[in-house]
């Protein structure tokens, strides 16, 4: 199954900035490492690249790039930054009904995968997951036999070839991608639910902080740790 793709139009580093008319497609396992890849199409971008017309703006460099002076001219529908966006700029985005994707959420991938590595070294997570799937199939079979089996007859639940292949041949990369996708999707839903719970509107930045603090409080509270 192919992963979703995106098109990069303006791009820059501390040394150069360029604009690609048709967009460079970033697909699975393909990293853009050098401007020479786009040499035939790229041209120097005149003006501030932060103000280029785009859907998602990712100012992944130094902090405080989006300020109250340039934010009114930002055309992106969804800038993704916290440290790169000053509080004044964040207020302007909210007034313009532009959602800022929290960077503490976007940057969680590396930490999450590191946790997977630690967990894998701690115990054999994959074997546990595989055994759990087979136990689930056995549970379904027993439930069907109790309900519909005649004279105690069996109703075998046989894994399909596709299911067997998915379980037995899943690579470590497949497992990491699957776990990371689930974690990120689940976290996104939590942030959005928190925003709705406290009527925060598009202020996902605050919602992400609240969601994280509530998790910390829950752990401390259930552990019997008191707050002074």
C-alpha atoms as a PDB file:
ATOM      1  CA  UNK A   1       0.000   0.000   0.000  1.00  0.00           C
ATOM      2  CA  UNK A   2       1.449   3.344  -1.057  1.00  0.00           C
ATOM      3  CA  UNK A   3       1.737   6.040   1.518  1.00  0.00           C
ATOM      4  CA  UNK A   4       0.221   9.480   0.836  1.00  0.00           C
ATOM      5  CA  UNK A   5       2.330  11.876  -1.186  1.00  0.00           C
ATOM      6  CA  UNK A   6       2.729  15.628  -1.161  1.00  0.00           C
ATOM      7  CA  UNK A   7       4.195  18.246  -3.454  1.00  0.00           C
ATOM      8  CA  UNK A   8       6.832  20.702  -2.368  1.00  0.00           C
ATOM      9  CA  UNK A   9       6.835  24.015  -4.226  1.00  0.00           C
ATOM     10  CA  UNK A  10       8.874  26.659  -2.384  1.00  0.00           C
ATOM     11  CA  UNK A  11      11.804  25.338  -0.409  1.00  0.00           C
ATOM     12  CA  UNK A  12      14.792  26.950   1.238  1.00  0.00           C
ATOM     13  CA  UNK A  13      17.700  26.537   3.595  1.00  0.00           C
ATOM     14  CA  UNK A  14      19.972  29.046   5.249  1.00  0.00           C
ATOM     15  CA  UNK A  15      21.997  29.204   2.012  1.00  0.00           C
ATOM     16  CA  UNK A  16      19.420  29.214  -0.776  1.00  0.00           C
ATOM     17  CA  UNK A  17      15.748  29.431  -1.628  1.00  0.00           C
ATOM     18  CA  UNK A  18      13.981  28.184  -4.725  1.00  0.00           C
ATOM     19  CA  UNK A  19      10.570  27.732  -6.266  1.00  0.00           C
ATOM     20  CA  UNK A  20       9.499  24.755  -8.384  1.00  0.00           C
ATOM     21  CA  UNK A  21       6.620  25.558 -10.732  1.00  0.00           C
ATOM     22  CA  UNK A  22       5.116  22.061 -10.999  1.00  0.00           C
ATOM     23  CA  UNK A  23       6.173  20.921  -7.550  1.00  0.00           C
ATOM     24  CA  UNK A  24       8.587  18.179  -6.597  1.00  0.00           C
ATOM     25  CA  UNK A  25       6.827  15.009  -5.519  1.00  0.00           C
ATOM     26  CA  UNK A  26       8.054  13.563  -2.218  1.00  0.00           C
ATOM     27  CA  UNK A  27       7.129   9.882  -2.148  1.00  0.00           C
ATOM     28  CA  UNK A  28       7.787   6.978   0.177  1.00  0.00           C
ATOM     29  CA  UNK A  29      11.454   6.560   1.132  1.00  0.00           C
ATOM     30  CA  UNK A  30      12.592   9.365  -1.173  1.00  0.00           C
ATOM     31  CA  UNK A  31      14.394  12.197   0.594  1.00  0.00           C
ATOM     32  CA  UNK A  32      15.276  15.411  -1.179  1.00  0.00           C
ATOM     33  CA  UNK A  33      18.895  15.992  -0.209  1.00  0.00           C
ATOM     34  CA  UNK A  34      20.172  18.461  -2.741  1.00  0.00           C
ATOM     35  CA  UNK A  35      18.825  21.277  -4.865  1.00  0.00           C
ATOM     36  CA  UNK A  36      20.510  19.689  -7.900  1.00  0.00           C
ATOM     37  CA  UNK A  37      17.669  17.157  -8.020  1.00  0.00           C
ATOM     38  CA  UNK A  38      15.426  20.004  -9.192  1.00  0.00           C
ATOM     39  CA  UNK A  39      18.080  21.825 -11.212  1.00  0.00           C
ATOM     40  CA  UNK A  40      16.160  21.702 -14.498  1.00  0.00           C
ATOM     41  CA  UNK A  41      13.002  23.222 -12.986  1.00  0.00           C
ATOM     42  CA  UNK A  42      14.084  25.281  -9.999  1.00  0.00           C
ATOM     43  CA  UNK A  43      14.435  29.019 -10.068  1.00  0.00           C
ATOM     44  CA  UNK A  44      15.388  31.530  -7.426  1.00  0.00           C
ATOM     45  CA  UNK A  45      12.386  32.639  -5.395  1.00  0.00           C
ATOM     46  CA  UNK A  46      12.114  36.395  -5.094  1.00  0.00           C
ATOM     47  CA  UNK A  47      10.766  37.713  -1.811  1.00  0.00           C
ATOM     48  CA  UNK A  48      10.087  36.046   1.511  1.00  0.00           C
ATOM     49  CA  UNK A  49       9.519  32.330   1.086  1.00  0.00           C
ATOM     50  CA  UNK A  50       7.446  32.338   4.292  1.00  0.00           C
ATOM     51  CA  UNK A  51       4.844  34.381   2.413  1.00  0.00           C
ATOM     52  CA  UNK A  52       4.637  32.070  -0.611  1.00  0.00           C
ATOM     53  CA  UNK A  53       1.240  30.731  -1.661  1.00  0.00           C
ATOM     54  CA  UNK A  54       0.923  27.215  -0.216  1.00  0.00           C
ATOM     55  CA  UNK A  55      -1.370  24.976   1.809  1.00  0.00           C
ATOM     56  CA  UNK A  56       1.058  23.871   4.530  1.00  0.00           C
ATOM     57  CA  UNK A  57       3.995  25.964   5.701  1.00  0.00           C
ATOM     58  CA  UNK A  58       6.759  24.168   7.583  1.00  0.00           C
ATOM     59  CA  UNK A  59       9.341  26.694   8.840  1.00  0.00           C
ATOM     60  CA  UNK A  60      11.621  23.969  10.191  1.00  0.00           C
ATOM     61  CA  UNK A  61      14.670  26.029  11.049  1.00  0.00           C
ATOM     62  CA  UNK A  62      15.422  28.740  13.574  1.00  0.00           C
ATOM     63  CA  UNK A  63      12.821  29.920  16.072  1.00  0.00           C
ATOM     64  CA  UNK A  64      10.618  33.022  15.957  1.00  0.00           C
ATOM     65  CA  UNK A  65      10.414  33.187  12.155  1.00  0.00           C
ATOM     66  CA  UNK A  66       6.702  34.010  12.105  1.00  0.00           C
ATOM     67  CA  UNK A  67       6.138  37.293  13.895  1.00  0.00           C
ATOM     68  CA  UNK A  68       3.392  39.898  14.101  1.00  0.00           C
ATOM     69  CA  UNK A  69       5.094  41.820  11.268  1.00  0.00           C
ATOM     70  CA  UNK A  70       5.070  39.060   8.616  1.00  0.00           C
ATOM     71  CA  UNK A  71       2.162  36.868   9.789  1.00  0.00           C
ATOM     72  CA  UNK A  72      -0.545  39.036   8.128  1.00  0.00           C
ATOM     73  CA  UNK A  73       1.091  38.254   4.760  1.00  0.00           C
ATOM     74  CA  UNK A  74       1.397  34.487   5.270  1.00  0.00           C
ATOM     75  CA  UNK A  75      -0.843  32.698   2.740  1.00  0.00           C
ATOM     76  CA  UNK A  76      -0.555  29.160   4.128  1.00  0.00           C
ATOM     77  CA  UNK A  77      -3.724  27.488   5.338  1.00  0.00           C
ATOM     78  CA  UNK A  78      -1.937  25.418   7.985  1.00  0.00           C
ATOM     79  CA  UNK A  79       1.402  26.660   9.311  1.00  0.00           C
ATOM     80  CA  UNK A  80       3.135  24.107  11.508  1.00  0.00           C
ATOM     81  CA  UNK A  81       5.146  25.722  14.262  1.00  0.00           C
ATOM     82  CA  UNK A  82       5.191  26.582  17.931  1.00  0.00           C
ATOM     83  CA  UNK A  83       8.681  27.781  18.747  1.00  0.00           C
ATOM     84  CA  UNK A  84       8.853  29.302  15.282  1.00  0.00           C
ATOM     85  CA  UNK A  85       5.674  31.282  15.866  1.00  0.00           C
ATOM     86  CA  UNK A  86       5.682  34.093  18.406  1.00  0.00           C
ATOM     87  CA  UNK A  87       2.650  34.492  20.716  1.00  0.00           C
ATOM     88  CA  UNK A  88       1.665  37.670  18.846  1.00  0.00           C
ATOM     89  CA  UNK A  89       1.787  35.843  15.511  1.00  0.00           C
ATOM     90  CA  UNK A  90      -0.225  32.971  16.943  1.00  0.00           C
ATOM     91  CA  UNK A  91      -3.005  35.389  17.926  1.00  0.00           C
ATOM     92  CA  UNK A  92      -3.057  36.816  14.407  1.00  0.00           C
ATOM     93  CA  UNK A  93      -3.394  33.332  12.915  1.00  0.00           C
ATOM     94  CA  UNK A  94      -6.344  32.620  15.214  1.00  0.00           C
ATOM     95  CA  UNK A  95      -7.989  35.911  14.248  1.00  0.00           C
ATOM     96  CA  UNK A  96      -7.601  34.918  10.586  1.00  0.00           C
ATOM     97  CA  UNK A  97      -9.064  31.451  11.310  1.00  0.00           C
ATOM     98  CA  UNK A  98      -5.808  29.774  10.306  1.00  0.00           C
ATOM     99  CA  UNK A  99      -4.970  26.609  12.199  1.00  0.00           C
ATOM    100  CA  UNK A 100      -1.414  26.253  13.502  1.00  0.00           C
ATOM    101  CA  UNK A 101      -0.375  22.618  13.785  1.00  0.00           C
ATOM    102  CA  UNK A 102       1.522  22.177  17.092  1.00  0.00           C
ATOM    103  CA  UNK A 103       5.171  21.310  16.518  1.00  0.00           C
ATOM    104  CA  UNK A 104       5.334  19.326  19.762  1.00  0.00           C
ATOM    105  CA  UNK A 105       2.907  16.988  17.978  1.00  0.00           C
ATOM    106  CA  UNK A 106       4.639  17.070  14.585  1.00  0.00           C
ATOM    107  CA  UNK A 107       8.043  16.395  16.150  1.00  0.00           C
ATOM    108  CA  UNK A 108       6.809  13.438  18.193  1.00  0.00           C
ATOM    109  CA  UNK A 109       7.777  10.869  15.553  1.00  0.00           C
ATOM    110  CA  UNK A 110      11.428  10.559  16.547  1.00  0.00           C
ATOM    111  CA  UNK A 111      10.671  10.191  20.247  1.00  0.00           C
ATOM    112  CA  UNK A 112       7.904   7.679  19.515  1.00  0.00           C
ATOM    113  CA  UNK A 113      10.152   5.476  17.372  1.00  0.00           C
ATOM    114  CA  UNK A 114      12.878   5.671  20.035  1.00  0.00           C
ATOM    115  CA  UNK A 115      10.312   4.380  22.524  1.00  0.00           C
ATOM    116  CA  UNK A 116       9.530   1.503  20.143  1.00  0.00           C
ATOM    117  CA  UNK A 117      13.233   0.638  20.054  1.00  0.00           C
ATOM    118  CA  UNK A 118      13.412   0.649  23.851  1.00  0.00           C
ATOM    119  CA  UNK A 119      10.260  -1.428  24.093  1.00  0.00           C
ATOM    120  CA  UNK A 120      11.577  -3.949  21.574  1.00  0.00           C
ATOM    121  CA  UNK A 121      14.738  -4.406  23.609  1.00  0.00           C
ATOM    122  CA  UNK A 122      12.699  -4.752  26.787  1.00  0.00           C
ATOM    123  CA  UNK A 123      10.443  -7.516  25.519  1.00  0.00           C
ATOM    124  CA  UNK A 124       9.473  -9.233  22.290  1.00  0.00           C
ATOM    125  CA  UNK A 125       6.573  -7.002  21.389  1.00  0.00           C
ATOM    126  CA  UNK A 126       6.083  -8.420  17.915  1.00  0.00           C
ATOM    127  CA  UNK A 127       5.772 -12.016  19.144  1.00  0.00           C
ATOM    128  CA  UNK A 128       3.235 -10.858  21.725  1.00  0.00           C
ATOM    129  CA  UNK A 129       1.227  -9.078  19.026  1.00  0.00           C
ATOM    130  CA  UNK A 130       1.320 -12.132  16.766  1.00  0.00           C
ATOM    131  CA  UNK A 131       0.199 -14.468  19.559  1.00  0.00           C
ATOM    132  CA  UNK A 132      -2.553 -12.014  20.518  1.00  0.00           C
ATOM    133  CA  UNK A 133      -3.927 -12.095  16.968  1.00  0.00           C
ATOM    134  CA  UNK A 134      -4.088 -15.883  16.980  1.00  0.00           C
ATOM    135  CA  UNK A 135      -5.745 -15.898  20.409  1.00  0.00           C
ATOM    136  CA  UNK A 136      -8.322 -13.481  19.010  1.00  0.00           C
ATOM    137  CA  UNK A 137      -9.090 -15.860  16.142  1.00  0.00           C
ATOM    138  CA  UNK A 138      -9.453 -18.762  18.574  1.00  0.00           C
ATOM    139  CA  UNK A 139     -11.792 -16.697  20.732  1.00  0.00           C
ATOM    140  CA  UNK A 140     -13.988 -15.934  17.708  1.00  0.00           C
ATOM    141  CA  UNK A 141     -14.037 -19.614  16.763  1.00  0.00           C
ATOM    142  CA  UNK A 142     -15.060 -20.732  20.259  1.00  0.00           C
ATOM    143  CA  UNK A 143     -17.802 -18.095  20.406  1.00  0.00           C
ATOM    144  CA  UNK A 144     -19.251 -19.234  17.076  1.00  0.00           C
ATOM    145  CA  UNK A 145     -19.105 -22.882  18.085  1.00  0.00           C
ATOM    146  CA  UNK A 146     -20.965 -22.213  21.319  1.00  0.00           C
ATOM    147  CA  UNK A 147     -23.673 -20.310  19.466  1.00  0.00           C
ATOM    148  CA  UNK A 148     -24.060 -22.198  16.198  1.00  0.00           C
ATOM    149  CA  UNK A 149     -22.128 -25.478  16.469  1.00  0.00           C
ATOM    150  CA  UNK A 150     -24.315 -28.565  16.187  1.00  0.00           C
ATOM    151  CA  UNK A 151     -23.577 -31.246  18.775  1.00  0.00           C
ATOM    152  CA  UNK A 152     -20.356 -29.531  19.677  1.00  0.00           C
ATOM    153  CA  UNK A 153     -19.121 -29.440  16.084  1.00  0.00           C
ATOM    154  CA  UNK A 154     -16.216 -27.225  15.121  1.00  0.00           C
ATOM    155  CA  UNK A 155     -16.407 -24.023  13.108  1.00  0.00           C
ATOM    156  CA  UNK A 156     -12.789 -23.494  12.098  1.00  0.00           C
ATOM    157  CA  UNK A 157     -11.568 -19.931  11.734  1.00  0.00           C
ATOM    158  CA  UNK A 158      -8.686 -20.191   9.289  1.00  0.00           C
ATOM    159  CA  UNK A 159      -6.402 -17.181   8.705  1.00  0.00           C
ATOM    160  CA  UNK A 160      -6.271 -16.128   5.076  1.00  0.00           C
ATOM    161  CA  UNK A 161      -3.012 -16.272   3.155  1.00  0.00           C
ATOM    162  CA  UNK A 162      -2.889 -12.474   3.191  1.00  0.00           C
ATOM    163  CA  UNK A 163      -3.305 -12.410   6.981  1.00  0.00           C
ATOM    164  CA  UNK A 164      -0.606 -15.056   7.450  1.00  0.00           C
ATOM    165  CA  UNK A 165       1.765 -13.168   5.197  1.00  0.00           C
ATOM    166  CA  UNK A 166       1.100  -9.904   7.014  1.00  0.00           C
ATOM    167  CA  UNK A 167       1.784 -11.450  10.421  1.00  0.00           C
ATOM    168  CA  UNK A 168       4.722 -13.708   9.600  1.00  0.00           C
ATOM    169  CA  UNK A 169       6.569 -11.562   7.073  1.00  0.00           C
ATOM    170  CA  UNK A 170       6.125  -8.130   8.571  1.00  0.00           C
ATOM    171  CA  UNK A 171       9.506  -6.443   8.707  1.00  0.00           C
ATOM    172  CA  UNK A 172      10.691  -4.278  11.554  1.00  0.00           C
ATOM    173  CA  UNK A 173      10.131  -1.298   9.267  1.00  0.00           C
ATOM    174  CA  UNK A 174       6.501  -2.351   8.675  1.00  0.00           C
ATOM    175  CA  UNK A 175       5.912  -2.693  12.410  1.00  0.00           C
ATOM    176  CA  UNK A 176       7.449   0.712  13.153  1.00  0.00           C
ATOM    177  CA  UNK A 177       5.418   2.424  10.406  1.00  0.00           C
ATOM    178  CA  UNK A 178       2.220   0.785  11.631  1.00  0.00           C
ATOM    179  CA  UNK A 179       2.844   1.661  15.278  1.00  0.00           C
ATOM    180  CA  UNK A 180       3.896   5.211  14.468  1.00  0.00           C
ATOM    181  CA  UNK A 181       0.850   5.802  12.253  1.00  0.00           C
ATOM    182  CA  UNK A 182      -1.477   4.566  14.993  1.00  0.00           C
ATOM    183  CA  UNK A 183       0.237   6.670  17.673  1.00  0.00           C
ATOM    184  CA  UNK A 184       0.173   9.866  15.600  1.00  0.00           C
ATOM    185  CA  UNK A 185      -3.453   9.371  14.520  1.00  0.00           C
ATOM    186  CA  UNK A 186      -4.522   8.638  18.103  1.00  0.00           C
ATOM    187  CA  UNK A 187      -2.658  11.699  19.401  1.00  0.00           C
ATOM    188  CA  UNK A 188      -4.265  13.905  16.751  1.00  0.00           C
ATOM    189  CA  UNK A 189      -7.720  12.740  17.813  1.00  0.00           C
ATOM    190  CA  UNK A 190      -6.867  13.437  21.461  1.00  0.00           C
ATOM    191  CA  UNK A 191      -5.727  16.971  20.660  1.00  0.00           C
ATOM    192  CA  UNK A 192      -8.856  17.678  18.618  1.00  0.00           C
ATOM    193  CA  UNK A 193     -11.100  16.221  21.345  1.00  0.00           C
ATOM    194  CA  UNK A 194      -9.358  18.419  23.922  1.00  0.00           C
ATOM    195  CA  UNK A 195      -9.922  21.468  21.709  1.00  0.00           C
ATOM    196  CA  UNK A 196     -13.634  20.647  21.507  1.00  0.00           C
ATOM    197  CA  UNK A 197     -13.883  19.818  25.223  1.00  0.00           C
ATOM    198  CA  UNK A 198     -12.563  23.228  26.270  1.00  0.00           C
ATOM    199  CA  UNK A 199     -14.054  25.136  23.320  1.00  0.00           C
ATOM    200  CA  UNK A 200     -10.636  26.192  22.030  1.00  0.00           C
ATOM    201  CA  UNK A 201     -11.636  26.375  18.383  1.00  0.00           C
ATOM    202  CA  UNK A 202      -8.564  26.293  16.130  1.00  0.00           C
ATOM    203  CA  UNK A 203      -6.168  26.865  19.020  1.00  0.00           C
ATOM    204  CA  UNK A 204      -4.565  23.417  18.771  1.00  0.00           C
ATOM    205  CA  UNK A 205      -1.410  24.819  20.302  1.00  0.00           C
ATOM    206  CA  UNK A 206      -3.152  25.255  23.668  1.00  0.00           C
ATOM    207  CA  UNK A 207      -5.083  22.004  23.179  1.00  0.00           C
ATOM    208  CA  UNK A 208      -1.830  20.065  22.746  1.00  0.00           C
ATOM    209  CA  UNK A 209      -0.400  21.557  25.940  1.00  0.00           C
ATOM    210  CA  UNK A 210      -3.585  20.823  27.894  1.00  0.00           C
ATOM    211  CA  UNK A 211      -3.737  17.254  26.584  1.00  0.00           C
ATOM    212  CA  UNK A 212      -0.118  16.619  27.600  1.00  0.00           C
ATOM    213  CA  UNK A 213      -0.542  18.174  31.056  1.00  0.00           C
ATOM    214  CA  UNK A 214      -3.690  16.139  31.694  1.00  0.00           C
ATOM    215  CA  UNK A 215      -1.797  12.935  30.891  1.00  0.00           C
ATOM    216  CA  UNK A 216       0.984  13.849  33.315  1.00  0.00           C
ATOM    217  CA  UNK A 217      -1.575  14.692  36.005  1.00  0.00           C
ATOM    218  CA  UNK A 218      -3.373  11.383  35.467  1.00  0.00           C
ATOM    219  CA  UNK A 219      -0.159   9.381  35.874  1.00  0.00           C
ATOM    220  CA  UNK A 220       0.816  11.254  39.037  1.00  0.00           C
ATOM    221  CA  UNK A 221      -2.697  11.040  40.456  1.00  0.00           C
ATOM    222  CA  UNK A 222      -3.025   7.296  39.846  1.00  0.00           C
ATOM    223  CA  UNK A 223       0.440   6.740  41.294  1.00  0.00           C
ATOM    224  CA  UNK A 224      -0.643   8.458  44.509  1.00  0.00           C
ATOM    225  CA  UNK A 225       1.749  11.366  44.124  1.00  0.00           C
ATOM    226  CA  UNK A 226       0.415  14.559  45.680  1.00  0.00           C
ATOM    227  CA  UNK A 227       0.936  18.024  44.270  1.00  0.00           C
ATOM    228  CA  UNK A 228       2.023  20.825  46.564  1.00  0.00           C
END
